[in-house]
Amino acid sequence: MSHNISFNLKALIESIEKIELYSKEFTDANDFYHDQKSFDASMMQFVVIGEIISRLDEKFKATHNEIPWQKVKDFRNIIAHDYFGIDADEIWDIINTKLLPLKNDIEKLLKTI
């Protein structure tokens, strides 16, 4: 089981790094939003992140509740089900303020398993 968890945590980090790569050349939400390839590719990675979290064992997530698993998964649902209602400024804020701490938390967790 820990191999599967390890694999999924590494996949989460990979998806976060892709979002970082796709968004790094932009200076604001508007420019990022209007680059359709970068924006759409990032949104797809958010969906992937939510799917990976869905596959993690519930007991594991409960044990490691320092990571807001459900909140991240819920964000995936917003993107998947209300794509045209997405606020580019909110996405930009998440990318610039929440992704790195999430990545750091997952990397720390990965070292413990």
PDB file of N, CA and C in Angstrom:
ATOM      1  N   MET A   1       0.818  -1.198   0.000  1.00  0.00           N
ATOM      2  CA  MET A   1       0.000   0.000   0.000  1.00  0.00           C
ATOM      3  C   MET A   1       0.857   1.254   0.000  1.00  0.00           C
ATOM      4  N   SER A   2       1.960   1.274   0.754  1.00  0.00           N
ATOM      5  CA  SER A   2       2.774   2.488   0.809  1.00  0.00           C
ATOM      6  C   SER A   2       3.395   2.799  -0.544  1.00  0.00           C
ATOM      7  N   HIS A   3       3.639   1.747  -1.375  1.00  0.00           N
ATOM      8  CA  HIS A   3       4.151   1.998  -2.724  1.00  0.00           C
ATOM      9  C   HIS A   3       3.130   2.789  -3.526  1.00  0.00           C
ATOM     10  N   ASN A   4       1.872   2.391  -3.428  1.00  0.00           N
ATOM     11  CA  ASN A   4       0.802   3.078  -4.137  1.00  0.00           C
ATOM     12  C   ASN A   4       0.657   4.514  -3.638  1.00  0.00           C
ATOM     13  N   ILE A   5       0.727   4.709  -2.336  1.00  0.00           N
ATOM     14  CA  ILE A   5       0.636   6.055  -1.763  1.00  0.00           C
ATOM     15  C   ILE A   5       1.825   6.892  -2.229  1.00  0.00           C
ATOM     16  N   SER A   6       3.009   6.312  -2.181  1.00  0.00           N
ATOM     17  CA  SER A   6       4.210   6.999  -2.627  1.00  0.00           C
ATOM     18  C   SER A   6       4.089   7.407  -4.095  1.00  0.00           C
ATOM     19  N   PHE A   7       3.629   6.493  -4.918  1.00  0.00           N
ATOM     20  CA  PHE A   7       3.438   6.777  -6.345  1.00  0.00           C
ATOM     21  C   PHE A   7       2.472   7.948  -6.540  1.00  0.00           C
ATOM     22  N   ASN A   8       1.353   7.923  -5.814  1.00  0.00           N
ATOM     23  CA  ASN A   8       0.352   8.989  -5.950  1.00  0.00           C
ATOM     24  C   ASN A   8       0.871  10.325  -5.434  1.00  0.00           C
ATOM     25  N   LEU A   9       1.626  10.316  -4.352  1.00  0.00           N
ATOM     26  CA  LEU A   9       2.192  11.566  -3.841  1.00  0.00           C
ATOM     27  C   LEU A   9       3.196  12.146  -4.834  1.00  0.00           C
ATOM     28  N   LYS A  10       3.988  11.291  -5.448  1.00  0.00           N
ATOM     29  CA  LYS A  10       4.934  11.759  -6.470  1.00  0.00           C
ATOM     30  C   LYS A  10       4.183  12.316  -7.677  1.00  0.00           C
ATOM     31  N   ALA A  11       3.093  11.691  -8.026  1.00  0.00           N
ATOM     32  CA  ALA A  11       2.270  12.177  -9.137  1.00  0.00           C
ATOM     33  C   ALA A  11       1.669  13.544  -8.809  1.00  0.00           C
ATOM     34  N   LEU A  12       1.277  13.753  -7.552  1.00  0.00           N
ATOM     35  CA  LEU A  12       0.772  15.063  -7.135  1.00  0.00           C
ATOM     36  C   LEU A  12       1.851  16.132  -7.310  1.00  0.00           C
ATOM     37  N   ILE A  13       3.053  15.819  -6.874  1.00  0.00           N
ATOM     38  CA  ILE A  13       4.160  16.764  -7.009  1.00  0.00           C
ATOM     39  C   ILE A  13       4.418  17.064  -8.485  1.00  0.00           C
ATOM     40  N   GLU A  14       4.379  16.045  -9.303  1.00  0.00           N
ATOM     41  CA  GLU A  14       4.600  16.227 -10.746  1.00  0.00           C
ATOM     42  C   GLU A  14       3.547  17.167 -11.348  1.00  0.00           C
ATOM     43  N   SER A  15       2.296  16.994 -10.970  1.00  0.00           N
ATOM     44  CA  SER A  15       1.232  17.858 -11.494  1.00  0.00           C
ATOM     45  C   SER A  15       1.410  19.302 -11.020  1.00  0.00           C
ATOM     46  N   ILE A  16       1.792  19.469  -9.768  1.00  0.00           N
ATOM     47  CA  ILE A  16       2.038  20.812  -9.243  1.00  0.00           C
ATOM     48  C   ILE A  16       3.188  21.464 -10.003  1.00  0.00           C
ATOM     49  N   GLU A  17       4.241  20.702 -10.252  1.00  0.00           N
ATOM     50  CA  GLU A  17       5.382  21.242 -10.985  1.00  0.00           C
ATOM     51  C   GLU A  17       5.010  21.620 -12.417  1.00  0.00           C
ATOM     52  N   LYS A  18       4.114  20.881 -13.019  1.00  0.00           N
ATOM     53  CA  LYS A  18       3.643  21.242 -14.360  1.00  0.00           C
ATOM     54  C   LYS A  18       2.899  22.571 -14.322  1.00  0.00           C
ATOM     55  N   ILE A  19       2.047  22.759 -13.325  1.00  0.00           N
ATOM     56  CA  ILE A  19       1.331  24.039 -13.205  1.00  0.00           C
ATOM     57  C   ILE A  19       2.337  25.169 -13.005  1.00  0.00           C
ATOM     58  N   GLU A  20       3.336  24.936 -12.164  1.00  0.00           N
ATOM     59  CA  GLU A  20       4.375  25.951 -11.959  1.00  0.00           C
ATOM     60  C   GLU A  20       5.071  26.283 -13.276  1.00  0.00           C
ATOM     61  N   LEU A  21       5.389  25.272 -14.053  1.00  0.00           N
ATOM     62  CA  LEU A  21       6.043  25.469 -15.340  1.00  0.00           C
ATOM     63  C   LEU A  21       5.146  26.233 -16.310  1.00  0.00           C
ATOM     64  N   TYR A  22       3.896  25.823 -16.393  1.00  0.00           N
ATOM     65  CA  TYR A  22       2.971  26.437 -17.351  1.00  0.00           C
ATOM     66  C   TYR A  22       2.646  27.891 -17.012  1.00  0.00           C
ATOM     67  N   SER A  23       2.781  28.270 -15.756  1.00  0.00           N
ATOM     68  CA  SER A  23       2.372  29.614 -15.341  1.00  0.00           C
ATOM     69  C   SER A  23       3.531  30.562 -15.059  1.00  0.00           C
ATOM     70  N   LYS A  24       4.762  30.060 -15.055  1.00  0.00           N
ATOM     71  CA  LYS A  24       5.890  30.860 -14.571  1.00  0.00           C
ATOM     72  C   LYS A  24       6.224  32.082 -15.415  1.00  0.00           C
ATOM     73  N   GLU A  25       5.914  32.071 -16.697  1.00  0.00           N
ATOM     74  CA  GLU A  25       6.298  33.198 -17.538  1.00  0.00           C
ATOM     75  C   GLU A  25       5.326  34.381 -17.465  1.00  0.00           C
ATOM     76  N   PHE A  26       4.242  34.204 -16.744  1.00  0.00           N
ATOM     77  CA  PHE A  26       3.215  35.247 -16.695  1.00  0.00           C
ATOM     78  C   PHE A  26       3.356  36.096 -15.441  1.00  0.00           C
ATOM     79  N   THR A  27       2.946  37.358 -15.557  1.00  0.00           N
ATOM     80  CA  THR A  27       3.065  38.272 -14.425  1.00  0.00           C
ATOM     81  C   THR A  27       1.733  38.593 -13.775  1.00  0.00           C
ATOM     82  N   ASP A  28       0.635  38.238 -14.439  1.00  0.00           N
ATOM     83  CA  ASP A  28      -0.670  38.503 -13.835  1.00  0.00           C
ATOM     84  C   ASP A  28      -1.718  37.533 -14.374  1.00  0.00           C
ATOM     85  N   ALA A  29      -2.850  37.530 -13.704  1.00  0.00           N
ATOM     86  CA  ALA A  29      -3.935  36.602 -14.026  1.00  0.00           C
ATOM     87  C   ALA A  29      -4.463  36.803 -15.437  1.00  0.00           C
ATOM     88  N   ASN A  30      -4.563  38.036 -15.866  1.00  0.00           N
ATOM     89  CA  ASN A  30      -5.121  38.331 -17.177  1.00  0.00           C
ATOM     90  C   ASN A  30      -4.272  37.739 -18.296  1.00  0.00           C
ATOM     91  N   ASP A  31      -2.964  37.965 -18.241  1.00  0.00           N
ATOM     92  CA  ASP A  31      -2.078  37.416 -19.266  1.00  0.00           C
ATOM     93  C   ASP A  31      -2.118  35.891 -19.262  1.00  0.00           C
ATOM     94  N   PHE A  32      -2.095  35.330 -18.072  1.00  0.00           N
ATOM     95  CA  PHE A  32      -2.147  33.871 -17.939  1.00  0.00           C
ATOM     96  C   PHE A  32      -3.450  33.332 -18.525  1.00  0.00           C
ATOM     97  N   TYR A  33      -4.560  33.934 -18.174  1.00  0.00           N
ATOM     98  CA  TYR A  33      -5.870  33.487 -18.636  1.00  0.00           C
ATOM     99  C   TYR A  33      -5.977  33.545 -20.163  1.00  0.00           C
ATOM    100  N   HIS A  34      -5.379  34.563 -20.749  1.00  0.00           N
ATOM    101  CA  HIS A  34      -5.502  34.742 -22.204  1.00  0.00           C
ATOM    102  C   HIS A  34      -4.504  33.908 -23.016  1.00  0.00           C
ATOM    103  N   ASP A  35      -3.615  33.234 -22.344  1.00  0.00           N
ATOM    104  CA  ASP A  35      -2.778  32.261 -23.043  1.00  0.00           C
ATOM    105  C   ASP A  35      -3.487  30.913 -22.894  1.00  0.00           C
ATOM    106  N   GLN A  36      -4.312  30.601 -23.867  1.00  0.00           N
ATOM    107  CA  GLN A  36      -5.213  29.459 -23.748  1.00  0.00           C
ATOM    108  C   GLN A  36      -4.503  28.140 -23.482  1.00  0.00           C
ATOM    109  N   LYS A  37      -3.389  27.900 -24.131  1.00  0.00           N
ATOM    110  CA  LYS A  37      -2.696  26.629 -23.929  1.00  0.00           C
ATOM    111  C   LYS A  37      -2.199  26.494 -22.494  1.00  0.00           C
ATOM    112  N   SER A  38      -1.562  27.534 -21.994  1.00  0.00           N
ATOM    113  CA  SER A  38      -1.012  27.474 -20.637  1.00  0.00           C
ATOM    114  C   SER A  38      -2.117  27.380 -19.601  1.00  0.00           C
ATOM    115  N   PHE A  39      -3.159  28.177 -19.781  1.00  0.00           N
ATOM    116  CA  PHE A  39      -4.267  28.176 -18.831  1.00  0.00           C
ATOM    117  C   PHE A  39      -4.984  26.830 -18.843  1.00  0.00           C
ATOM    118  N   ASP A  40      -5.326  26.347 -20.035  1.00  0.00           N
ATOM    119  CA  ASP A  40      -6.041  25.074 -20.133  1.00  0.00           C
ATOM    120  C   ASP A  40      -5.189  23.910 -19.622  1.00  0.00           C
ATOM    121  N   ALA A  41      -3.901  23.933 -19.925  1.00  0.00           N
ATOM    122  CA  ALA A  41      -3.010  22.868 -19.448  1.00  0.00           C
ATOM    123  C   ALA A  41      -2.950  22.878 -17.923  1.00  0.00           C
ATOM    124  N   SER A  42      -2.912  24.060 -17.337  1.00  0.00           N
ATOM    125  CA  SER A  42      -2.892  24.170 -15.872  1.00  0.00           C
ATOM    126  C   SER A  42      -4.198  23.667 -15.272  1.00  0.00           C
ATOM    127  N   MET A  43      -5.317  24.032 -15.889  1.00  0.00           N
ATOM    128  CA  MET A  43      -6.608  23.580 -15.380  1.00  0.00           C
ATOM    129  C   MET A  43      -6.696  22.057 -15.429  1.00  0.00           C
ATOM    130  N   MET A  44      -6.151  21.474 -16.480  1.00  0.00           N
ATOM    131  CA  MET A  44      -6.161  20.015 -16.573  1.00  0.00           C
ATOM    132  C   MET A  44      -5.335  19.401 -15.450  1.00  0.00           C
ATOM    133  N   GLN A  45      -4.234  20.016 -15.086  1.00  0.00           N
ATOM    134  CA  GLN A  45      -3.411  19.493 -13.993  1.00  0.00           C
ATOM    135  C   GLN A  45      -4.137  19.605 -12.649  1.00  0.00           C
ATOM    136  N   PHE A  46      -4.935  20.664 -12.470  1.00  0.00           N
ATOM    137  CA  PHE A  46      -5.749  20.749 -11.254  1.00  0.00           C
ATOM    138  C   PHE A  46      -6.753  19.599 -11.201  1.00  0.00           C
ATOM    139  N   VAL A  47      -7.316  19.250 -12.353  1.00  0.00           N
ATOM    140  CA  VAL A  47      -8.241  18.113 -12.424  1.00  0.00           C
ATOM    141  C   VAL A  47      -7.495  16.827 -12.082  1.00  0.00           C
ATOM    142  N   VAL A  48      -6.310  16.659 -12.627  1.00  0.00           N
ATOM    143  CA  VAL A  48      -5.488  15.473 -12.346  1.00  0.00           C
ATOM    144  C   VAL A  48      -5.193  15.391 -10.848  1.00  0.00           C
ATOM    145  N   ILE A  49      -4.833  16.508 -10.244  1.00  0.00           N
ATOM    146  CA  ILE A  49      -4.555  16.537  -8.798  1.00  0.00           C
ATOM    147  C   ILE A  49      -5.766  16.036  -8.010  1.00  0.00           C
ATOM    148  N   GLY A  50      -6.945  16.518  -8.367  1.00  0.00           N
ATOM    149  CA  GLY A  50      -8.161  16.072  -7.684  1.00  0.00           C
ATOM    150  C   GLY A  50      -8.417  14.589  -7.866  1.00  0.00           C
ATOM    151  N   GLU A  51      -8.143  14.078  -9.060  1.00  0.00           N
ATOM    152  CA  GLU A  51      -8.333  12.649  -9.326  1.00  0.00           C
ATOM    153  C   GLU A  51      -7.356  11.806  -8.504  1.00  0.00           C
ATOM    154  N   ILE A  52      -6.122  12.267  -8.418  1.00  0.00           N
ATOM    155  CA  ILE A  52      -5.129  11.523  -7.626  1.00  0.00           C
ATOM    156  C   ILE A  52      -5.553  11.493  -6.159  1.00  0.00           C
ATOM    157  N   ILE A  53      -6.008  12.612  -5.655  1.00  0.00           N
ATOM    158  CA  ILE A  53      -6.449  12.669  -4.257  1.00  0.00           C
ATOM    159  C   ILE A  53      -7.626  11.723  -4.031  1.00  0.00           C
ATOM    160  N   SER A  54      -8.495  11.598  -5.010  1.00  0.00           N
ATOM    161  CA  SER A  54      -9.624  10.666  -4.897  1.00  0.00           C
ATOM    162  C   SER A  54      -9.156   9.230  -4.734  1.00  0.00           C
ATOM    163  N   ARG A  55      -7.994   8.916  -5.271  1.00  0.00           N
ATOM    164  CA  ARG A  55      -7.472   7.549  -5.220  1.00  0.00           C
ATOM    165  C   ARG A  55      -6.734   7.237  -3.926  1.00  0.00           C
ATOM    166  N   LEU A  56      -6.383   8.273  -3.178  1.00  0.00           N
ATOM    167  CA  LEU A  56      -5.673   8.034  -1.916  1.00  0.00           C
ATOM    168  C   LEU A  56      -6.616   7.429  -0.893  1.00  0.00           C
ATOM    169  N   ASP A  57      -6.077   6.542  -0.100  1.00  0.00           N
ATOM    170  CA  ASP A  57      -6.824   5.872   0.951  1.00  0.00           C
ATOM    171  C   ASP A  57      -7.381   6.891   1.958  1.00  0.00           C
ATOM    172  N   GLU A  58      -8.652   6.726   2.304  1.00  0.00           N
ATOM    173  CA  GLU A  58      -9.305   7.663   3.231  1.00  0.00           C
ATOM    174  C   GLU A  58      -8.624   7.672   4.599  1.00  0.00           C
ATOM    175  N   LYS A  59      -8.188   6.527   5.050  1.00  0.00           N
ATOM    176  CA  LYS A  59      -7.506   6.427   6.341  1.00  0.00           C
ATOM    177  C   LYS A  59      -6.195   7.212   6.308  1.00  0.00           C
ATOM    178  N   PHE A  60      -5.483   7.091   5.191  1.00  0.00           N
ATOM    179  CA  PHE A  60      -4.231   7.822   5.013  1.00  0.00           C
ATOM    180  C   PHE A  60      -4.484   9.329   5.065  1.00  0.00           C
ATOM    181  N   LYS A  61      -5.513   9.786   4.355  1.00  0.00           N
ATOM    182  CA  LYS A  61      -5.829  11.223   4.343  1.00  0.00           C
ATOM    183  C   LYS A  61      -6.243  11.705   5.730  1.00  0.00           C
ATOM    184  N   ALA A  62      -6.993  10.901   6.440  1.00  0.00           N
ATOM    185  CA  ALA A  62      -7.422  11.281   7.788  1.00  0.00           C
ATOM    186  C   ALA A  62      -6.226  11.366   8.736  1.00  0.00           C
ATOM    187  N   THR A  63      -5.285  10.468   8.560  1.00  0.00           N
ATOM    188  CA  THR A  63      -4.086  10.459   9.396  1.00  0.00           C
ATOM    189  C   THR A  63      -3.203  11.673   9.108  1.00  0.00           C
ATOM    190  N   HIS A  64      -3.248  12.150   7.867  1.00  0.00           N
ATOM    191  CA  HIS A  64      -2.410  13.279   7.444  1.00  0.00           C
ATOM    192  C   HIS A  64      -3.294  14.465   7.065  1.00  0.00           C
ATOM    193  N   ASN A  65      -4.096  14.872   8.029  1.00  0.00           N
ATOM    194  CA  ASN A  65      -5.079  15.933   7.774  1.00  0.00           C
ATOM    195  C   ASN A  65      -4.483  17.339   7.809  1.00  0.00           C
ATOM    196  N   GLU A  66      -3.159  17.443   7.925  1.00  0.00           N
ATOM    197  CA  GLU A  66      -2.516  18.753   7.806  1.00  0.00           C
ATOM    198  C   GLU A  66      -2.599  19.262   6.363  1.00  0.00           C
ATOM    199  N   ILE A  67      -2.869  18.358   5.456  1.00  0.00           N
ATOM    200  CA  ILE A  67      -3.075  18.717   4.053  1.00  0.00           C
ATOM    201  C   ILE A  67      -4.579  18.776   3.807  1.00  0.00           C
ATOM    202  N   PRO A  68      -5.057  19.868   3.223  1.00  0.00           N
ATOM    203  CA  PRO A  68      -6.507  20.012   3.008  1.00  0.00           C
ATOM    204  C   PRO A  68      -6.992  19.196   1.807  1.00  0.00           C
ATOM    205  N   TRP A  69      -6.940  17.891   1.925  1.00  0.00           N
ATOM    206  CA  TRP A  69      -7.268  16.989   0.820  1.00  0.00           C
ATOM    207  C   TRP A  69      -8.625  17.314   0.193  1.00  0.00           C
ATOM    208  N   GLN A  70      -9.645  17.424   1.039  1.00  0.00           N
ATOM    209  CA  GLN A  70     -11.002  17.632   0.519  1.00  0.00           C
ATOM    210  C   GLN A  70     -11.133  18.973  -0.188  1.00  0.00           C
ATOM    211  N   LYS A  71     -10.503  19.981   0.348  1.00  0.00           N
ATOM    212  CA  LYS A  71     -10.562  21.310  -0.266  1.00  0.00           C
ATOM    213  C   LYS A  71      -9.929  21.291  -1.664  1.00  0.00           C
ATOM    214  N   VAL A  72      -8.809  20.610  -1.781  1.00  0.00           N
ATOM    215  CA  VAL A  72      -8.133  20.510  -3.076  1.00  0.00           C
ATOM    216  C   VAL A  72      -9.001  19.695  -4.046  1.00  0.00           C
ATOM    217  N   LYS A  73      -9.557  18.616  -3.562  1.00  0.00           N
ATOM    218  CA  LYS A  73     -10.435  17.796  -4.400  1.00  0.00           C
ATOM    219  C   LYS A  73     -11.675  18.584  -4.830  1.00  0.00           C
ATOM    220  N   ASP A  74     -12.257  19.354  -3.925  1.00  0.00           N
ATOM    221  CA  ASP A  74     -13.426  20.171  -4.257  1.00  0.00           C
ATOM    222  C   ASP A  74     -13.102  21.189  -5.344  1.00  0.00           C
ATOM    223  N   PHE A  75     -11.875  21.719  -5.314  1.00  0.00           N
ATOM    224  CA  PHE A  75     -11.458  22.676  -6.341  1.00  0.00           C
ATOM    225  C   PHE A  75     -11.446  21.997  -7.712  1.00  0.00           C
ATOM    226  N   ARG A  76     -11.021  20.746  -7.751  1.00  0.00           N
ATOM    227  CA  ARG A  76     -11.056  19.975  -8.997  1.00  0.00           C
ATOM    228  C   ARG A  76     -12.480  19.899  -9.532  1.00  0.00           C
ATOM    229  N   ASN A  77     -13.440  19.685  -8.637  1.00  0.00           N
ATOM    230  CA  ASN A  77     -14.836  19.574  -9.052  1.00  0.00           C
ATOM    231  C   ASN A  77     -15.356  20.882  -9.628  1.00  0.00           C
ATOM    232  N   ILE A  78     -14.937  21.985  -9.050  1.00  0.00           N
ATOM    233  CA  ILE A  78     -15.341  23.302  -9.583  1.00  0.00           C
ATOM    234  C   ILE A  78     -14.827  23.454 -11.001  1.00  0.00           C
ATOM    235  N   ILE A  79     -13.562  23.116 -11.214  1.00  0.00           N
ATOM    236  CA  ILE A  79     -12.981  23.244 -12.554  1.00  0.00           C
ATOM    237  C   ILE A  79     -13.681  22.317 -13.539  1.00  0.00           C
ATOM    238  N   ALA A  80     -13.890  21.090 -13.135  1.00  0.00           N
ATOM    239  CA  ALA A  80     -14.477  20.104 -14.042  1.00  0.00           C
ATOM    240  C   ALA A  80     -15.932  20.388 -14.372  1.00  0.00           C
ATOM    241  N   HIS A  81     -16.674  20.950 -13.420  1.00  0.00           N
ATOM    242  CA  HIS A  81     -18.112  21.097 -13.621  1.00  0.00           C
ATOM    243  C   HIS A  81     -18.568  22.530 -13.890  1.00  0.00           C
ATOM    244  N   ASP A  82     -17.704  23.500 -13.675  1.00  0.00           N
ATOM    245  CA  ASP A  82     -18.082  24.897 -13.920  1.00  0.00           C
ATOM    246  C   ASP A  82     -16.934  25.631 -14.602  1.00  0.00           C
ATOM    247  N   TYR A  83     -16.375  24.996 -15.625  1.00  0.00           N
ATOM    248  CA  TYR A  83     -15.179  25.517 -16.274  1.00  0.00           C
ATOM    249  C   TYR A  83     -15.344  26.963 -16.740  1.00  0.00           C
ATOM    250  N   PHE A  84     -16.506  27.292 -17.260  1.00  0.00           N
ATOM    251  CA  PHE A  84     -16.708  28.638 -17.799  1.00  0.00           C
ATOM    252  C   PHE A  84     -16.985  29.666 -16.713  1.00  0.00           C
ATOM    253  N   GLY A  85     -17.159  29.201 -15.480  1.00  0.00           N
ATOM    254  CA  GLY A  85     -17.378  30.113 -14.367  1.00  0.00           C
ATOM    255  C   GLY A  85     -16.122  30.353 -13.541  1.00  0.00           C
ATOM    256  N   ILE A  86     -14.994  29.869 -14.031  1.00  0.00           N
ATOM    257  CA  ILE A  86     -13.737  29.992 -13.289  1.00  0.00           C
ATOM    258  C   ILE A  86     -13.270  31.438 -13.284  1.00  0.00           C
ATOM    259  N   ASP A  87     -12.842  31.887 -12.127  1.00  0.00           N
ATOM    260  CA  ASP A  87     -12.314  33.235 -11.952  1.00  0.00           C
ATOM    261  C   ASP A  87     -10.797  33.175 -12.103  1.00  0.00           C
ATOM    262  N   ALA A  88     -10.279  33.818 -13.150  1.00  0.00           N
ATOM    263  CA  ALA A  88      -8.840  33.770 -13.436  1.00  0.00           C
ATOM    264  C   ALA A  88      -8.018  34.335 -12.279  1.00  0.00           C
ATOM    265  N   ASP A  89      -8.525  35.370 -11.615  1.00  0.00           N
ATOM    266  CA  ASP A  89      -7.794  35.950 -10.479  1.00  0.00           C
ATOM    267  C   ASP A  89      -7.685  34.947  -9.334  1.00  0.00           C
ATOM    268  N   GLU A  90      -8.751  34.181  -9.104  1.00  0.00           N
ATOM    269  CA  GLU A  90      -8.727  33.168  -8.049  1.00  0.00           C
ATOM    270  C   GLU A  90      -7.717  32.059  -8.381  1.00  0.00           C
ATOM    271  N   ILE A  91      -7.712  31.646  -9.640  1.00  0.00           N
ATOM    272  CA  ILE A  91      -6.753  30.626 -10.079  1.00  0.00           C
ATOM    273  C   ILE A  91      -5.330  31.151  -9.897  1.00  0.00           C
ATOM    274  N   TRP A  92      -5.108  32.374 -10.309  1.00  0.00           N
ATOM    275  CA  TRP A  92      -3.785  32.986 -10.205  1.00  0.00           C
ATOM    276  C   TRP A  92      -3.339  33.052  -8.736  1.00  0.00           C
ATOM    277  N   ASP A  93      -4.254  33.412  -7.870  1.00  0.00           N
ATOM    278  CA  ASP A  93      -3.941  33.475  -6.436  1.00  0.00           C
ATOM    279  C   ASP A  93      -3.593  32.082  -5.901  1.00  0.00           C
ATOM    280  N   ILE A  94      -4.341  31.090  -6.282  1.00  0.00           N
ATOM    281  CA  ILE A  94      -4.064  29.715  -5.837  1.00  0.00           C
ATOM    282  C   ILE A  94      -2.682  29.278  -6.312  1.00  0.00           C
ATOM    283  N   ILE A  95      -2.389  29.544  -7.570  1.00  0.00           N
ATOM    284  CA  ILE A  95      -1.084  29.158  -8.119  1.00  0.00           C
ATOM    285  C   ILE A  95       0.047  29.853  -7.361  1.00  0.00           C
ATOM    286  N   ASN A  96      -0.134  31.119  -7.043  1.00  0.00           N
ATOM    287  CA  ASN A  96       0.948  31.906  -6.459  1.00  0.00           C
ATOM    288  C   ASN A  96       1.035  31.869  -4.941  1.00  0.00           C
ATOM    289  N   THR A  97      -0.018  31.406  -4.270  1.00  0.00           N
ATOM    290  CA  THR A  97       0.036  31.402  -2.803  1.00  0.00           C
ATOM    291  C   THR A  97      -0.200  30.038  -2.168  1.00  0.00           C
ATOM    292  N   LYS A  98      -0.841  29.129  -2.873  1.00  0.00           N
ATOM    293  CA  LYS A  98      -1.227  27.862  -2.250  1.00  0.00           C
ATOM    294  C   LYS A  98      -0.480  26.645  -2.801  1.00  0.00           C
ATOM    295  N   LEU A  99      -0.028  26.713  -4.037  1.00  0.00           N
ATOM    296  CA  LEU A  99       0.603  25.535  -4.638  1.00  0.00           C
ATOM    297  C   LEU A  99       1.934  25.172  -3.996  1.00  0.00           C
ATOM    298  N   LEU A 100       2.795  26.150  -3.780  1.00  0.00           N
ATOM    299  CA  LEU A 100       4.102  25.844  -3.197  1.00  0.00           C
ATOM    300  C   LEU A 100       3.975  25.266  -1.786  1.00  0.00           C
ATOM    301  N   PRO A 101       3.152  25.848  -0.903  1.00  0.00           N
ATOM    302  CA  PRO A 101       2.976  25.218   0.411  1.00  0.00           C
ATOM    303  C   PRO A 101       2.412  23.792   0.304  1.00  0.00           C
ATOM    304  N   LEU A 102       1.483  23.564  -0.616  1.00  0.00           N
ATOM    305  CA  LEU A 102       0.938  22.220  -0.813  1.00  0.00           C
ATOM    306  C   LEU A 102       2.042  21.272  -1.269  1.00  0.00           C
ATOM    307  N   LYS A 103       2.830  21.713  -2.216  1.00  0.00           N
ATOM    308  CA  LYS A 103       3.945  20.893  -2.712  1.00  0.00           C
ATOM    309  C   LYS A 103       4.920  20.576  -1.579  1.00  0.00           C
ATOM    310  N   ASN A 104       5.256  21.574  -0.787  1.00  0.00           N
ATOM    311  CA  ASN A 104       6.179  21.364   0.336  1.00  0.00           C
ATOM    312  C   ASN A 104       5.620  20.363   1.339  1.00  0.00           C
ATOM    313  N   ASP A 105       4.331  20.477   1.651  1.00  0.00           N
ATOM    314  CA  ASP A 105       3.688  19.543   2.581  1.00  0.00           C
ATOM    315  C   ASP A 105       3.700  18.120   2.043  1.00  0.00           C
ATOM    316  N   ILE A 106       3.441  17.972   0.752  1.00  0.00           N
ATOM    317  CA  ILE A 106       3.426  16.642   0.150  1.00  0.00           C
ATOM    318  C   ILE A 106       4.848  16.064   0.133  1.00  0.00           C
ATOM    319  N   GLU A 107       5.837  16.901  -0.170  1.00  0.00           N
ATOM    320  CA  GLU A 107       7.227  16.425  -0.170  1.00  0.00           C
ATOM    321  C   GLU A 107       7.644  15.966   1.227  1.00  0.00           C
ATOM    322  N   LYS A 108       7.259  16.715   2.255  1.00  0.00           N
ATOM    323  CA  LYS A 108       7.554  16.314   3.641  1.00  0.00           C
ATOM    324  C   LYS A 108       6.899  14.974   3.964  1.00  0.00           C
ATOM    325  N   LEU A 109       5.647  14.846   3.561  1.00  0.00           N
ATOM    326  CA  LEU A 109       4.893  13.622   3.807  1.00  0.00           C
ATOM    327  C   LEU A 109       5.541  12.438   3.090  1.00  0.00           C
ATOM    328  N   LEU A 110       5.977  12.661   1.876  1.00  0.00           N
ATOM    329  CA  LEU A 110       6.609  11.615   1.085  1.00  0.00           C
ATOM    330  C   LEU A 110       7.873  11.092   1.769  1.00  0.00           C
ATOM    331  N   LYS A 111       8.587  11.966   2.437  1.00  0.00           N
ATOM    332  CA  LYS A 111       9.816  11.558   3.141  1.00  0.00           C
ATOM    333  C   LYS A 111       9.521  10.688   4.355  1.00  0.00           C
ATOM    334  N   THR A 112       8.306  10.751   4.871  1.00  0.00           N
ATOM    335  CA  THR A 112       7.973  10.006   6.090  1.00  0.00           C
ATOM    336  C   THR A 112       7.408   8.613   5.808  1.00  0.00           C
ATOM    337  N   ILE A 113       7.072   8.337   4.568  1.00  0.00           N
ATOM    338  CA  ILE A 113       6.479   7.015   4.274  1.00  0.00           C
ATOM    339  C   ILE A 113       7.477   6.108   3.570  1.00  0.00           C
TER     340      ILE A 113
END
